[in-house]
Amino acid sequence: MDKQSGIELADRLNAGCQCISLDSEGLGVELERVSPGFHEEVMAGRPHLFSSSVAFVGAEDVQRMARLVAAVERVVALPAYRDHVLAYAPEIARHSTAARGVFLGYDFHLGNTGPQLIEINTNAGGGLLNAVLARAQKACCADVEALLPGDLGGDTPEHLFLEMFRAEWRAFGTRVGAGDTPRQVAIVDEAPQTQYLYPEFVLFRRLFEHAGIQAVICDPRELEFRDGALWHGAMRIDLVYNRLTDFALETPASSALRAAYLADAAVVTPHPQAHALYADKRNLVALSDPALLASWGLDAETRSTLTNKIPRTELALPAHADDLWARRKALFFKPAAGYGSKAAYRGDKITKRVFDEVLAGNYIAQALVPPSSRTLQVGEAPVELKLDLRNYVYAGHVQLIAARLWQGQTTNFRTPGGGFAPVLTVPSLALET
């Protein structure tokens, strides 16, 4: 009896399973539980937030991604690594806090040699939206029926996410004698109602309130630091779920939040140090450098995992301009503090003018790993969409894996048929011979 790997089966399903598996009515029911009209509010300005189908990933690749996450955690624990990355981080990142930082997003492309880590993000969006989406799937064919998540593994992402915030509070509270659960939480982003993922903020507010935690969604300008505490009006804030892309809390709008963070007056999660340790793109230079990793005393197995699963990354320095330009078609350029594919460029598409701007900025150049693909029926024809995988991670544990499907140079939510998609893990299959 031979065996067909889960990776091979996943590739076959991604290429050949074009049917619709999203139960649109079921999704509507899930969203309407928040408030009447919420489903229409979510979808009206976001027609491509959710894909109409799922993505398939071999069980072996799921395990490889988890091993990479564990390897990164072992590096981050090294004093030498922390000294290395904090040396070029903003000063605020040297402020230590007991909170680990919620919602790390490990983003992968499925290359020819298995999953390749493209980047790590703090405040990775979409986790709770994908939890809702996973419950709105239906078996669209016999091959898929056995792979649907059922009870989502015996625990719900919502419960895992809530316990994550409680863990952040407990770690912080040991120093101030606080209880097991924060009493008041602020979900903070700039002009939150204008953000594309604002519906997720509403879902988190509901999640907190159902757990007996008072929650508010607000702009950082609405916060005040006074009397040694962080306030939103008359509400004293215990914990901030930080969705800002002002990672170092540098702007005037973030001044109250910055003061509260430095005074340990509230839990801020994720926080500037988490971004510096995990999400600064320059860290990928170190994480893909076998000699540097060895000099820190990292074991051979962990070094191999990192260098085999992280594309070689280098600083885009003016001194290397001619060499980088000559190799540009095999590179992807990203700003060190970038997020959401903003100001990121494929080398084969970059112009000389933009390349000069990259050299003048704070950029890294990463070996290009094209994304894998997912073929779906869009309208009357099959359409090939690009696919990447986001692992939502806390304390080194993968809580949820979701896919994003799109067309274009970088990830987006503008593609018909694209958007967030649940991931189904495909096990190896025994074949009769």
Protein backbone atom coordinates (compact mmCIF):
# COMPACT_ATOMS: atom_id res chain seq x y z
CA MET A 1 0.00 0.00 0.00
CA ASP A 2 1.49 3.36 -1.06
CA LYS A 3 0.83 6.76 0.45
CA GLN A 4 -0.02 10.03 -1.21
CA SER A 5 1.19 12.96 0.87
CA GLY A 6 -1.17 15.58 2.21
CA ILE A 7 0.84 18.16 0.27
CA GLU A 8 0.12 16.40 -3.03
CA LEU A 9 -3.56 16.07 -2.16
CA ALA A 10 -3.76 19.72 -1.11
CA ASP A 11 -2.17 20.80 -4.42
CA ARG A 12 -4.72 18.72 -6.32
CA LEU A 13 -7.63 20.19 -4.40
CA ASN A 14 -6.34 23.77 -4.71
CA ALA A 15 -6.11 23.29 -8.48
CA GLY A 16 -9.23 21.22 -9.10
CA CYS A 17 -11.85 21.93 -6.43
CA GLN A 18 -13.52 25.02 -7.88
CA CYS A 19 -16.91 24.75 -6.20
CA ILE A 20 -18.34 27.26 -3.75
CA SER A 21 -18.24 26.16 -0.12
CA LEU A 22 -19.22 29.36 1.67
CA ASP A 23 -22.65 29.21 3.25
CA SER A 24 -23.55 32.86 2.69
CA GLU A 25 -26.75 32.52 4.68
CA GLY A 26 -24.85 30.93 7.56
CA LEU A 27 -22.29 33.74 7.48
CA GLY A 28 -25.11 36.25 7.58
CA VAL A 29 -26.61 34.56 10.64
CA GLU A 30 -23.24 34.61 12.42
CA LEU A 31 -22.76 38.31 11.74
CA GLU A 32 -26.35 39.27 12.58
CA ARG A 33 -25.78 37.89 16.08
CA VAL A 34 -23.72 40.99 16.73
CA SER A 35 -26.55 43.39 15.97
CA PRO A 36 -29.39 43.72 13.42
CA GLY A 37 -27.99 44.96 10.11
CA PHE A 38 -24.38 44.14 10.97
CA HIS A 39 -24.05 41.65 8.10
CA GLU A 40 -25.12 44.26 5.57
CA GLU A 41 -22.81 46.83 7.19
CA VAL A 42 -19.83 44.47 6.91
CA MET A 43 -20.39 43.45 3.31
CA ALA A 44 -21.58 46.75 1.83
CA GLY A 45 -18.13 48.32 1.56
CA ARG A 46 -16.16 45.09 1.63
CA PRO A 47 -17.40 42.83 -1.17
CA HIS A 48 -14.08 40.95 -1.31
CA LEU A 49 -13.42 40.53 2.41
CA PHE A 50 -14.36 36.83 2.34
CA SER A 51 -13.61 34.32 -0.38
CA SER A 52 -16.37 31.97 -1.50
CA SER A 53 -14.27 28.87 -0.85
CA VAL A 54 -11.52 27.35 1.26
CA ALA A 55 -7.80 26.72 0.79
CA PHE A 56 -6.13 23.35 1.31
CA VAL A 57 -2.81 22.76 3.05
CA GLY A 58 -1.01 19.46 3.58
CA ALA A 59 -0.65 18.32 7.18
CA GLU A 60 3.10 18.09 6.67
CA ASP A 61 3.26 21.79 5.75
CA VAL A 62 1.17 22.70 8.80
CA GLN A 63 3.73 20.90 10.98
CA ARG A 64 6.62 22.63 9.20
CA MET A 65 5.11 26.05 9.86
CA ALA A 66 4.65 25.19 13.54
CA ARG A 67 8.29 24.09 13.77
CA LEU A 68 9.41 27.38 12.26
CA VAL A 69 7.32 29.31 14.80
CA ALA A 70 8.94 27.33 17.61
CA ALA A 71 12.40 27.98 16.13
CA VAL A 72 11.80 31.74 16.05
CA GLU A 73 10.71 31.63 19.69
CA ARG A 74 13.99 29.93 20.64
CA VAL A 75 15.97 32.70 18.92
CA VAL A 76 13.92 35.51 20.46
CA ALA A 77 14.69 34.06 23.91
CA LEU A 78 18.45 34.51 23.33
CA PRO A 79 19.96 37.58 25.05
CA ALA A 80 22.34 38.02 22.10
CA TYR A 81 19.45 38.23 19.64
CA ARG A 82 17.55 40.69 21.80
CA ASP A 83 20.65 42.88 22.14
CA HIS A 84 21.16 42.72 18.37
CA VAL A 85 17.65 43.80 17.32
CA LEU A 86 17.06 46.30 20.12
CA ALA A 87 20.25 48.09 19.08
CA TYR A 88 18.49 49.40 15.96
CA ALA A 89 14.98 49.60 17.42
CA PRO A 90 13.37 52.82 18.68
CA GLU A 91 14.25 53.74 22.26
CA ILE A 92 10.75 52.88 23.52
CA ALA A 93 11.30 49.24 22.51
CA ARG A 94 13.83 48.89 25.31
CA HIS A 95 11.03 49.30 27.84
CA SER A 96 10.24 45.78 29.03
CA THR A 97 6.76 44.66 29.94
CA ALA A 98 5.38 41.39 31.25
CA ALA A 99 2.91 41.18 28.37
CA ARG A 100 4.07 39.02 25.45
CA GLY A 101 1.99 40.72 22.75
CA VAL A 102 -1.18 39.30 21.19
CA PHE A 103 -1.78 38.24 17.60
CA LEU A 104 1.58 37.66 16.03
CA GLY A 105 0.96 36.89 12.37
CA TYR A 106 3.44 34.55 10.70
CA ASP A 107 2.84 34.89 6.95
CA PHE A 108 3.98 32.10 4.63
CA HIS A 109 4.15 31.35 0.93
CA LEU A 110 4.15 27.71 -0.10
CA GLY A 111 7.34 27.50 -2.15
CA ASN A 112 8.82 24.53 -3.97
CA THR A 113 10.71 23.60 -0.80
CA GLY A 114 7.69 23.90 1.49
CA PRO A 115 6.41 26.86 3.52
CA GLN A 116 8.63 29.95 3.41
CA LEU A 117 8.22 32.64 6.06
CA ILE A 118 7.74 35.94 4.24
CA GLU A 119 7.30 38.12 7.32
CA ILE A 120 6.07 38.35 10.89
CA ASN A 121 3.55 41.00 11.90
CA THR A 122 2.33 42.25 15.24
CA ASN A 123 -1.35 43.22 15.61
CA ALA A 124 -2.17 40.82 12.74
CA GLY A 125 -5.77 41.43 11.68
CA GLY A 126 -8.45 38.97 10.70
CA GLY A 127 -8.28 36.33 13.42
CA LEU A 128 -11.80 36.77 14.76
CA LEU A 129 -13.26 37.34 11.30
CA ASN A 130 -11.76 34.03 10.21
CA ALA A 131 -13.22 32.27 13.25
CA VAL A 132 -16.67 33.42 12.14
CA LEU A 133 -15.93 32.48 8.53
CA ALA A 134 -14.86 28.94 9.42
CA ARG A 135 -18.30 28.22 10.87
CA ALA A 136 -19.99 29.33 7.66
CA GLN A 137 -18.50 26.61 5.45
CA LYS A 138 -20.31 23.62 3.99
CA ALA A 139 -19.06 20.48 2.32
CA CYS A 140 -19.06 21.24 -1.39
CA CYS A 141 -17.90 17.81 -2.55
CA ALA A 142 -17.00 14.41 -1.15
CA ASP A 143 -13.27 15.20 -0.98
CA VAL A 144 -13.95 18.24 1.20
CA GLU A 145 -16.62 16.78 3.47
CA ALA A 146 -14.17 14.81 5.62
CA LEU A 147 -11.94 17.86 6.07
CA LEU A 148 -14.45 20.38 7.43
CA PRO A 149 -13.48 21.45 10.93
CA GLY A 150 -16.64 20.36 12.79
CA ASP A 151 -16.25 21.73 16.30
CA LEU A 152 -13.00 23.47 15.31
CA GLY A 153 -10.81 21.02 17.18
CA GLY A 154 -12.69 20.90 20.47
CA ASP A 155 -11.98 24.53 21.37
CA THR A 156 -13.14 27.69 19.65
CA PRO A 157 -10.78 30.40 18.42
CA GLU A 158 -12.93 32.89 20.35
CA HIS A 159 -12.15 31.11 23.62
CA LEU A 160 -8.45 30.87 22.77
CA PHE A 161 -8.37 34.58 21.91
CA LEU A 162 -10.15 35.60 25.12
CA GLU A 163 -7.80 33.47 27.22
CA MET A 164 -4.88 35.10 25.43
CA PHE A 165 -5.97 38.55 26.64
CA ARG A 166 -6.53 37.18 30.12
CA ALA A 167 -3.00 35.73 30.07
CA GLU A 168 -1.65 39.16 29.12
CA TRP A 169 -3.51 40.70 32.03
CA ARG A 170 -2.40 38.04 34.53
CA ALA A 171 1.24 38.48 33.53
CA PHE A 172 0.93 42.23 34.07
CA GLY A 173 -1.28 41.92 37.16
CA THR A 174 1.21 39.92 39.19
CA ARG A 175 3.02 43.21 39.73
CA VAL A 176 0.00 45.26 40.75
CA GLY A 177 -2.18 42.68 42.52
CA ALA A 178 -4.88 42.75 39.84
CA GLY A 179 -7.46 40.03 39.38
CA ASP A 180 -7.72 37.31 36.75
CA THR A 181 -9.53 39.42 34.13
CA PRO A 182 -9.24 43.07 33.09
CA ARG A 183 -12.35 45.10 33.84
CA GLN A 184 -12.15 47.72 31.10
CA VAL A 185 -10.57 47.28 27.67
CA ALA A 186 -9.96 49.81 24.88
CA ILE A 187 -9.67 48.59 21.27
CA VAL A 188 -7.54 51.34 19.75
CA ASP A 189 -6.81 52.36 16.18
CA GLU A 190 -6.59 55.61 14.29
CA ALA A 191 -10.09 56.68 13.16
CA PRO A 192 -11.30 53.11 13.82
CA GLN A 193 -14.61 53.38 11.98
CA THR A 194 -12.76 54.15 8.74
CA GLN A 195 -10.52 51.08 8.98
CA TYR A 196 -11.17 48.24 6.54
CA LEU A 197 -11.24 45.69 9.36
CA TYR A 198 -13.44 47.81 11.65
CA PRO A 199 -16.06 45.00 11.77
CA GLU A 200 -13.48 42.89 13.60
CA PHE A 201 -13.21 45.58 16.28
CA VAL A 202 -16.96 45.27 16.79
CA LEU A 203 -16.63 41.49 17.08
CA PHE A 204 -13.91 41.89 19.71
CA ARG A 205 -16.00 44.37 21.68
CA ARG A 206 -18.81 41.80 21.68
CA LEU A 207 -16.40 39.04 22.73
CA PHE A 208 -15.15 41.09 25.68
CA GLU A 209 -18.63 42.20 26.74
CA HIS A 210 -19.95 38.63 26.71
CA ALA A 211 -17.13 37.81 29.14
CA GLY A 212 -18.22 40.60 31.46
CA ILE A 213 -15.47 42.99 30.36
CA GLN A 214 -16.46 46.56 29.53
CA ALA A 215 -15.02 47.49 26.13
CA VAL A 216 -14.76 50.60 23.98
CA ILE A 217 -13.50 51.16 20.43
CA CYS A 218 -11.63 54.44 20.16
CA ASP A 219 -9.03 56.61 18.47
CA PRO A 220 -5.85 57.11 20.54
CA ARG A 221 -6.64 60.83 20.71
CA GLU A 222 -9.64 59.95 22.89
CA LEU A 223 -7.37 58.57 25.62
CA GLU A 224 -5.90 60.56 28.50
CA PHE A 225 -3.08 59.75 30.89
CA ARG A 226 -3.84 61.36 34.23
CA ASP A 227 -3.46 60.55 37.91
CA GLY A 228 -1.14 57.69 37.00
CA ALA A 229 -3.79 55.90 34.93
CA LEU A 230 -5.11 55.67 31.36
CA TRP A 231 -8.64 56.95 30.85
CA HIS A 232 -11.30 57.03 28.17
CA GLY A 233 -13.62 59.66 29.51
CA ALA A 234 -14.68 58.42 32.95
CA MET A 235 -13.58 54.82 32.19
CA ARG A 236 -10.24 53.76 33.57
CA ILE A 237 -8.59 51.46 31.02
CA ASP A 238 -6.91 48.31 32.28
CA LEU A 239 -5.86 46.86 28.92
CA VAL A 240 -5.41 48.29 25.42
CA TYR A 241 -5.82 45.99 22.43
CA ASN A 242 -3.48 47.98 20.20
CA ARG A 243 -4.29 47.92 16.47
CA LEU A 244 -2.22 51.00 15.63
CA THR A 245 0.43 50.93 12.93
CA ASP A 246 2.30 53.61 14.88
CA PHE A 247 4.43 50.77 16.22
CA ALA A 248 6.72 52.94 18.37
CA LEU A 249 3.87 55.17 19.63
CA GLU A 250 5.73 58.17 18.18
CA THR A 251 2.95 60.39 16.83
CA PRO A 252 1.28 63.12 18.92
CA ALA A 253 -1.98 61.17 18.68
CA SER A 254 -0.37 58.32 20.63
CA SER A 255 1.05 60.49 23.43
CA ALA A 256 -1.35 59.35 26.17
CA LEU A 257 -0.92 55.71 25.19
CA ARG A 258 2.85 56.12 25.12
CA ALA A 259 2.89 57.69 28.59
CA ALA A 260 0.68 54.94 30.03
CA TYR A 261 2.85 52.23 28.46
CA LEU A 262 6.09 53.68 29.83
CA ALA A 263 4.50 54.11 33.27
CA ASP A 264 3.13 50.54 33.27
CA ALA A 265 -0.25 52.09 33.96
CA ALA A 266 -2.09 49.71 31.61
CA VAL A 267 -1.40 46.62 29.57
CA VAL A 268 -0.68 47.63 25.98
CA THR A 269 -0.75 44.63 23.67
CA PRO A 270 0.87 44.24 21.22
CA HIS A 271 3.50 46.77 22.25
CA PRO A 272 6.65 48.43 20.86
CA GLN A 273 9.03 45.79 22.19
CA ALA A 274 7.01 42.96 20.62
CA HIS A 275 7.22 44.75 17.27
CA ALA A 276 10.97 45.24 17.66
CA LEU A 277 11.61 41.60 18.60
CA TYR A 278 9.40 40.01 15.95
CA ALA A 279 8.07 42.31 13.25
CA ASP A 280 10.85 44.68 12.23
CA LYS A 281 11.73 43.33 8.76
CA ARG A 282 15.44 43.81 9.47
CA ASN A 283 15.18 40.91 11.93
CA LEU A 284 14.79 38.56 8.95
CA VAL A 285 18.37 39.39 7.98
CA ALA A 286 19.56 37.87 11.24
CA LEU A 287 17.09 35.00 11.22
CA SER A 288 18.28 33.87 7.77
CA ASP A 289 22.02 34.24 8.52
CA PRO A 290 23.45 30.83 9.55
CA ALA A 291 26.82 32.21 10.65
CA LEU A 292 25.26 34.84 12.90
CA LEU A 293 22.84 32.30 14.40
CA ALA A 294 25.73 29.93 15.08
CA SER A 295 27.72 32.70 16.78
CA TRP A 296 24.85 33.07 19.25
CA GLY A 297 25.13 29.41 20.21
CA LEU A 298 21.92 28.30 18.52
CA ASP A 299 21.72 24.55 17.96
CA ALA A 300 22.18 23.10 14.47
CA GLU A 301 18.62 21.82 14.09
CA THR A 302 17.08 25.20 14.88
CA ARG A 303 19.54 26.95 12.55
CA SER A 304 18.59 24.56 9.76
CA THR A 305 14.87 25.13 10.31
CA LEU A 306 15.30 28.89 10.15
CA THR A 307 17.62 29.09 7.16
CA ASN A 308 15.62 26.54 5.16
CA LYS A 309 12.25 28.20 5.84
CA ILE A 310 13.16 31.91 5.75
CA PRO A 311 14.20 33.30 2.34
CA ARG A 312 17.63 34.91 2.43
CA THR A 313 17.19 38.54 3.44
CA GLU A 314 19.64 41.45 3.28
CA LEU A 315 19.65 45.18 3.92
CA ALA A 316 19.02 47.30 0.82
CA LEU A 317 22.04 49.57 1.20
CA PRO A 318 23.24 52.25 -1.27
CA ALA A 319 26.70 50.65 -1.18
CA HIS A 320 25.18 47.52 -2.77
CA ALA A 321 23.11 49.39 -5.36
CA ASP A 322 24.67 47.90 -8.50
CA ASP A 323 24.52 44.34 -7.18
CA LEU A 324 20.92 44.69 -5.96
CA TRP A 325 19.81 46.22 -9.25
CA ALA A 326 21.44 43.38 -11.20
CA ARG A 327 19.64 40.81 -9.02
CA ARG A 328 16.39 42.74 -8.63
CA LYS A 329 14.19 40.27 -10.53
CA ALA A 330 14.90 37.65 -7.88
CA LEU A 331 14.19 40.01 -4.97
CA PHE A 332 11.28 41.56 -3.10
CA PHE A 333 11.84 44.95 -1.42
CA LYS A 334 10.05 45.84 1.84
CA PRO A 335 10.30 48.74 4.29
CA ALA A 336 11.70 47.66 7.66
CA ALA A 337 8.67 48.94 9.56
CA GLY A 338 6.17 48.15 6.80
CA TYR A 339 2.82 46.42 7.11
CA GLY A 340 0.02 45.29 4.83
CA SER A 341 2.25 45.27 1.70
CA LYS A 342 2.43 49.07 1.80
CA ALA A 343 5.39 50.47 -0.18
CA ALA A 344 6.58 46.92 -0.94
CA TYR A 345 7.82 46.11 -4.45
CA ARG A 346 8.59 43.07 -6.53
CA GLY A 347 12.01 43.54 -8.06
CA ASP A 348 10.86 42.54 -11.54
CA LYS A 349 8.28 45.37 -11.45
CA ILE A 350 10.36 48.10 -9.83
CA THR A 351 11.41 51.21 -11.75
CA LYS A 352 14.78 52.90 -11.38
CA ARG A 353 13.15 55.89 -9.72
CA VAL A 354 11.44 53.73 -7.10
CA PHE A 355 14.61 51.66 -6.66
CA ASP A 356 16.52 54.84 -5.79
CA GLU A 357 13.81 55.69 -3.23
CA VAL A 358 14.18 52.20 -1.75
CA LEU A 359 17.94 52.70 -1.33
CA ALA A 360 17.33 56.04 0.36
CA GLY A 361 14.77 54.48 2.71
CA ASN A 362 15.04 51.83 5.38
CA TYR A 363 14.42 48.70 3.27
CA ILE A 364 15.29 45.04 3.18
CA ALA A 365 15.67 42.88 0.07
CA GLN A 366 14.30 39.36 0.37
CA ALA A 367 14.76 36.45 -2.00
CA LEU A 368 11.54 36.24 -4.00
CA VAL A 369 9.28 33.29 -3.18
CA PRO A 370 6.23 33.38 -5.48
CA PRO A 371 2.97 32.44 -3.74
CA SER A 372 1.19 29.22 -4.56
CA SER A 373 -2.22 29.33 -6.22
CA ARG A 374 -5.87 28.40 -5.73
CA THR A 375 -8.20 27.97 -8.71
CA LEU A 376 -11.81 29.05 -8.13
CA GLN A 377 -14.88 29.50 -10.25
CA VAL A 378 -15.54 33.23 -10.55
CA GLY A 379 -18.54 33.97 -12.71
CA GLU A 380 -18.47 31.60 -15.66
CA ALA A 381 -14.77 30.81 -15.72
CA PRO A 382 -12.09 29.29 -13.50
CA VAL A 383 -9.68 31.92 -12.17
CA GLU A 384 -6.25 31.30 -10.65
CA LEU A 385 -5.71 33.30 -7.47
CA LYS A 386 -2.54 33.73 -5.44
CA LEU A 387 -2.52 32.26 -1.96
CA ASP A 388 -0.68 33.00 1.26
CA LEU A 389 -1.13 31.58 4.74
CA ARG A 390 -1.32 33.48 8.01
CA ASN A 391 -0.61 31.65 11.26
CA TYR A 392 -2.09 33.50 14.24
CA VAL A 393 0.34 32.85 17.08
CA TYR A 394 0.53 33.54 20.80
CA ALA A 395 3.29 32.40 23.14
CA GLY A 396 4.70 30.18 20.41
CA HIS A 397 1.37 28.37 19.89
CA VAL A 398 -0.46 28.47 16.55
CA GLN A 399 -4.08 29.30 17.36
CA LEU A 400 -5.54 29.49 13.87
CA ILE A 401 -4.40 29.34 10.23
CA ALA A 402 -6.19 31.32 7.55
CA ALA A 403 -5.54 31.97 3.88
CA ARG A 404 -5.71 35.13 1.83
CA LEU A 405 -6.52 34.86 -1.87
CA TRP A 406 -5.81 37.66 -4.33
CA GLN A 407 -4.55 38.80 -7.71
CA GLY A 408 -1.95 41.52 -8.25
CA GLN A 409 1.57 42.39 -7.14
CA THR A 410 0.83 42.34 -3.39
CA THR A 411 -1.83 40.96 -1.05
CA ASN A 412 -5.11 42.87 -1.25
CA PHE A 413 -8.86 42.64 -0.68
CA ARG A 414 -9.86 43.91 -4.12
CA THR A 415 -10.04 40.65 -6.08
CA PRO A 416 -13.38 39.08 -7.13
CA GLY A 417 -13.44 35.62 -5.56
CA GLY A 418 -10.60 36.58 -3.21
CA GLY A 419 -10.34 37.57 0.44
CA PHE A 420 -9.95 35.62 3.65
CA ALA A 421 -10.51 31.87 3.29
CA PRO A 422 -10.55 29.09 5.89
CA VAL A 423 -7.73 26.55 5.71
CA LEU A 424 -8.48 22.84 5.68
CA THR A 425 -5.63 20.53 6.65
CA VAL A 426 -5.22 17.58 4.29
CA PRO A 427 -3.71 14.41 5.81
CA SER A 428 -1.70 11.82 3.90
CA LEU A 429 -3.83 9.20 2.20
CA ALA A 430 -3.11 5.48 1.95
CA LEU A 431 -3.51 4.19 -1.62
CA GLU A 432 -4.12 0.60 -2.74
CA THR A 433 -1.40 -0.74 -5.02
